[in-house]
Amino acid sequence: MSEFWKRKMRTYIHTFDCHGNGYITEKDYTDICRRFAEAYSVNDERKENLIQVFIKVWRKLMKAGDIEKDGRLTASILIESVKQQMYDPGLIIEFIHLIRGLHGFMDINQDGYLQPDDFRTYFEMCGVPEGTFDEKFAFEAIDVNGDGKLSSDEFVAAFLDFLFSQDETSPNKLFFGQLVD
């Protein structure tokens, strides 16, 4: 896998590492779900459902790489895990559930689409500081049909491209903001 793709995996870890310790645990995923639930005023049932989806993804990723059995999803474990499971429909399906769940959280007016303001809040919840990159460009890149809003399908496709593609020219590389080194 290319260094570019590895940077995307490190960016994924950086995004969901709520506690800033260099890895993701089940608690990180639970805490980020709570953060999203508060930001988007989601009820407890929807919050708990998304937490369960996040935990399924975390377990699937850990299953393939947690050699130490310490429950820490580091960048190196994520890289190996995704490489091993890249073509596993089970992993892809879990990620689709996860991203559709996030889209549902973020869709404040429940019309099936994300508006630019919903998207900005998403970056805030992912810890991307305002002004550190052009989220308007990222929004427009994901909005493939150019209608000014993001469908669940567009959001999922952009995430899967982020996760699996090695195309350095893809605008979906900005799905979680600027790539980390």
Protein backbone atom coordinates (compact mmCIF):
# COMPACT_ATOMS: atom_id res chain seq x y z
CA MET A 1 0.00 0.00 0.00
CA SER A 2 1.18 3.49 -0.82
CA GLU A 3 2.41 6.05 1.70
CA PHE A 4 -0.52 8.23 0.61
CA TRP A 5 -3.02 5.53 1.64
CA LYS A 6 -1.21 5.03 4.94
CA ARG A 7 -1.55 8.75 5.62
CA LYS A 8 -5.31 8.38 5.17
CA MET A 9 -5.35 5.57 7.74
CA ARG A 10 -3.34 7.71 10.17
CA THR A 11 -5.86 10.51 9.55
CA TYR A 12 -8.71 8.11 10.40
CA ILE A 13 -7.00 7.24 13.71
CA HIS A 14 -6.34 10.93 14.43
CA THR A 15 -10.00 11.77 13.77
CA PHE A 16 -11.52 9.18 16.10
CA ASP A 17 -8.84 9.27 18.81
CA CYS A 18 -10.95 11.36 21.20
CA HIS A 19 -8.44 11.15 24.01
CA GLY A 20 -5.33 12.07 21.99
CA ASN A 21 -3.32 9.02 22.98
CA GLY A 22 -2.49 7.80 19.47
CA TYR A 23 -4.99 4.96 19.19
CA ILE A 24 -8.71 4.23 19.15
CA THR A 25 -10.41 2.18 21.82
CA GLU A 26 -14.01 1.14 22.22
CA LYS A 27 -14.35 4.09 24.61
CA ASP A 28 -13.16 6.53 21.91
CA TYR A 29 -15.89 5.31 19.58
CA THR A 30 -18.49 5.51 22.37
CA ASP A 31 -17.39 9.02 23.31
CA ILE A 32 -17.44 10.29 19.74
CA CYS A 33 -20.97 8.92 19.32
CA ARG A 34 -22.01 10.84 22.41
CA ARG A 35 -20.35 13.97 21.03
CA PHE A 36 -22.25 13.57 17.73
CA ALA A 37 -25.51 12.86 19.58
CA GLU A 38 -25.18 16.07 21.59
CA ALA A 39 -24.20 18.20 18.60
CA TYR A 40 -27.08 16.94 16.49
CA SER A 41 -29.65 16.59 19.32
CA VAL A 42 -30.19 12.87 18.75
CA ASN A 43 -32.30 10.79 21.13
CA ASP A 44 -30.79 8.06 23.31
CA GLU A 45 -32.11 5.17 21.22
CA ARG A 46 -30.49 6.47 18.03
CA LYS A 47 -27.30 7.25 19.94
CA GLU A 48 -27.11 3.73 21.38
CA ASN A 49 -27.77 2.22 17.94
CA LEU A 50 -24.88 4.19 16.44
CA ILE A 51 -22.60 3.25 19.34
CA GLN A 52 -23.33 -0.42 18.60
CA VAL A 53 -22.47 0.09 14.92
CA PHE A 54 -19.21 1.84 15.82
CA ILE A 55 -18.32 -1.00 18.20
CA LYS A 56 -18.99 -3.62 15.51
CA VAL A 57 -16.59 -1.79 13.19
CA TRP A 58 -13.99 -1.48 15.94
CA ARG A 59 -14.23 -5.21 16.75
CA LYS A 60 -13.95 -6.15 13.08
CA LEU A 61 -10.85 -4.00 12.72
CA MET A 62 -9.35 -5.32 15.96
CA LYS A 63 -10.04 -8.95 15.07
CA ALA A 64 -7.55 -8.82 12.25
CA GLY A 65 -4.76 -7.00 14.00
CA ASP A 66 -4.80 -6.76 17.80
CA ILE A 67 -1.69 -8.83 18.38
CA GLU A 68 -1.15 -7.39 21.86
CA LYS A 69 -4.81 -8.02 22.82
CA ASP A 70 -4.88 -4.63 24.52
CA GLY A 71 -7.85 -3.18 22.65
CA ARG A 72 -5.83 -0.37 21.10
CA LEU A 73 -6.44 0.29 17.42
CA THR A 74 -3.24 2.03 16.35
CA ALA A 75 -2.45 3.31 12.87
CA SER A 76 -0.23 0.27 12.17
CA ILE A 77 -2.97 -2.14 13.28
CA LEU A 78 -5.54 -0.27 11.19
CA ILE A 79 -3.28 -0.37 8.14
CA GLU A 80 -2.73 -4.13 8.46
CA SER A 81 -6.36 -4.81 9.29
CA VAL A 82 -7.76 -2.87 6.34
CA LYS A 83 -5.17 -4.43 4.00
CA GLN A 84 -6.25 -7.91 5.15
CA GLN A 85 -9.98 -7.18 4.98
CA MET A 86 -10.11 -4.77 2.04
CA TYR A 87 -12.23 -7.13 -0.02
CA ASP A 88 -14.21 -8.60 2.87
CA PRO A 89 -17.87 -7.74 2.29
CA GLY A 90 -18.43 -7.97 6.06
CA LEU A 91 -16.08 -5.05 6.75
CA ILE A 92 -17.51 -3.00 3.90
CA ILE A 93 -21.08 -3.61 5.10
CA GLU A 94 -20.19 -2.57 8.67
CA PHE A 95 -18.59 0.64 7.41
CA ILE A 96 -21.64 1.36 5.24
CA HIS A 97 -23.88 0.97 8.31
CA LEU A 98 -21.57 3.26 10.24
CA ILE A 99 -21.50 6.02 7.62
CA ARG A 100 -25.24 5.81 6.96
CA GLY A 101 -25.74 6.11 10.73
CA LEU A 102 -23.55 9.20 10.88
CA HIS A 103 -25.40 10.68 7.92
CA GLY A 104 -28.69 10.06 9.72
CA PHE A 105 -27.37 11.81 12.83
CA MET A 106 -26.15 14.77 10.84
CA ASP A 107 -29.34 15.19 8.82
CA ILE A 108 -30.88 17.63 11.28
CA ASN A 109 -34.10 18.27 9.37
CA GLN A 110 -34.42 14.56 8.44
CA ASP A 111 -34.94 15.26 4.73
CA GLY A 112 -32.38 12.63 3.70
CA TYR A 113 -29.65 15.14 2.85
CA LEU A 114 -26.82 16.99 4.54
CA GLN A 115 -26.62 20.72 4.08
CA PRO A 116 -23.30 22.64 4.16
CA ASP A 117 -23.90 23.67 7.80
CA ASP A 118 -24.49 20.04 8.80
CA PHE A 119 -21.21 19.18 7.09
CA ARG A 120 -19.31 21.94 8.95
CA THR A 121 -20.62 20.62 12.27
CA TYR A 122 -19.38 17.15 11.23
CA PHE A 123 -15.85 18.50 10.90
CA GLU A 124 -16.13 20.23 14.26
CA MET A 125 -17.20 16.93 15.86
CA CYS A 126 -14.24 15.20 14.19
CA GLY A 127 -11.95 17.77 15.78
CA VAL A 128 -10.99 19.55 12.54
CA PRO A 129 -10.28 23.18 13.49
CA GLU A 130 -12.23 25.74 11.49
CA GLY A 131 -10.14 27.40 8.81
CA THR A 132 -7.56 24.62 8.58
CA PHE A 133 -8.81 23.57 5.15
CA ASP A 134 -11.53 24.29 2.63
CA GLU A 135 -14.58 22.29 3.77
CA LYS A 136 -16.60 23.95 0.98
CA PHE A 137 -14.30 22.24 -1.53
CA ALA A 138 -14.68 18.91 0.29
CA PHE A 139 -18.47 19.30 0.37
CA GLU A 140 -18.62 20.11 -3.33
CA ALA A 141 -16.35 17.15 -4.14
CA ILE A 142 -18.62 14.72 -2.30
CA ASP A 143 -21.72 16.32 -3.85
CA VAL A 144 -21.19 14.49 -7.14
CA ASN A 145 -24.52 15.51 -8.67
CA GLY A 146 -23.97 19.18 -7.75
CA ASP A 147 -27.35 19.74 -6.11
CA GLY A 148 -25.90 21.52 -3.07
CA LYS A 149 -26.71 18.74 -0.61
CA LEU A 150 -25.25 15.34 0.28
CA SER A 151 -27.31 12.21 0.00
CA SER A 152 -26.52 9.18 2.10
CA ASP A 153 -25.25 7.43 -1.04
CA GLU A 154 -22.87 10.28 -1.84
CA PHE A 155 -21.61 10.33 1.74
CA VAL A 156 -21.04 6.56 1.82
CA ALA A 157 -19.31 6.53 -1.59
CA ALA A 158 -16.97 9.33 -0.50
CA PHE A 159 -16.08 7.51 2.72
CA LEU A 160 -15.42 4.20 0.97
CA ASP A 161 -13.24 6.04 -1.53
CA PHE A 162 -11.36 7.60 1.38
CA LEU A 163 -10.92 4.25 3.08
CA PHE A 164 -9.91 2.07 0.13
CA SER A 165 -8.72 4.24 -2.78
CA GLN A 166 -5.08 4.98 -3.47
CA ASP A 167 -5.95 7.75 -5.93
CA GLU A 168 -4.04 10.79 -4.71
CA THR A 169 -6.14 13.09 -6.93
CA SER A 170 -9.45 12.05 -5.39
CA PRO A 171 -11.06 14.95 -3.52
CA ASN A 172 -12.48 12.38 -1.08
CA LYS A 173 -9.05 12.25 0.54
CA LEU A 174 -10.40 15.25 2.48
CA PHE A 175 -13.26 13.27 4.03
CA PHE A 176 -11.78 13.86 7.51
CA GLY A 177 -9.98 17.11 6.70
CA GLN A 178 -6.33 17.53 5.77
CA LEU A 179 -4.30 14.33 5.87
CA VAL A 180 -1.91 13.94 8.76
CA ASP A 181 1.70 12.82 8.25
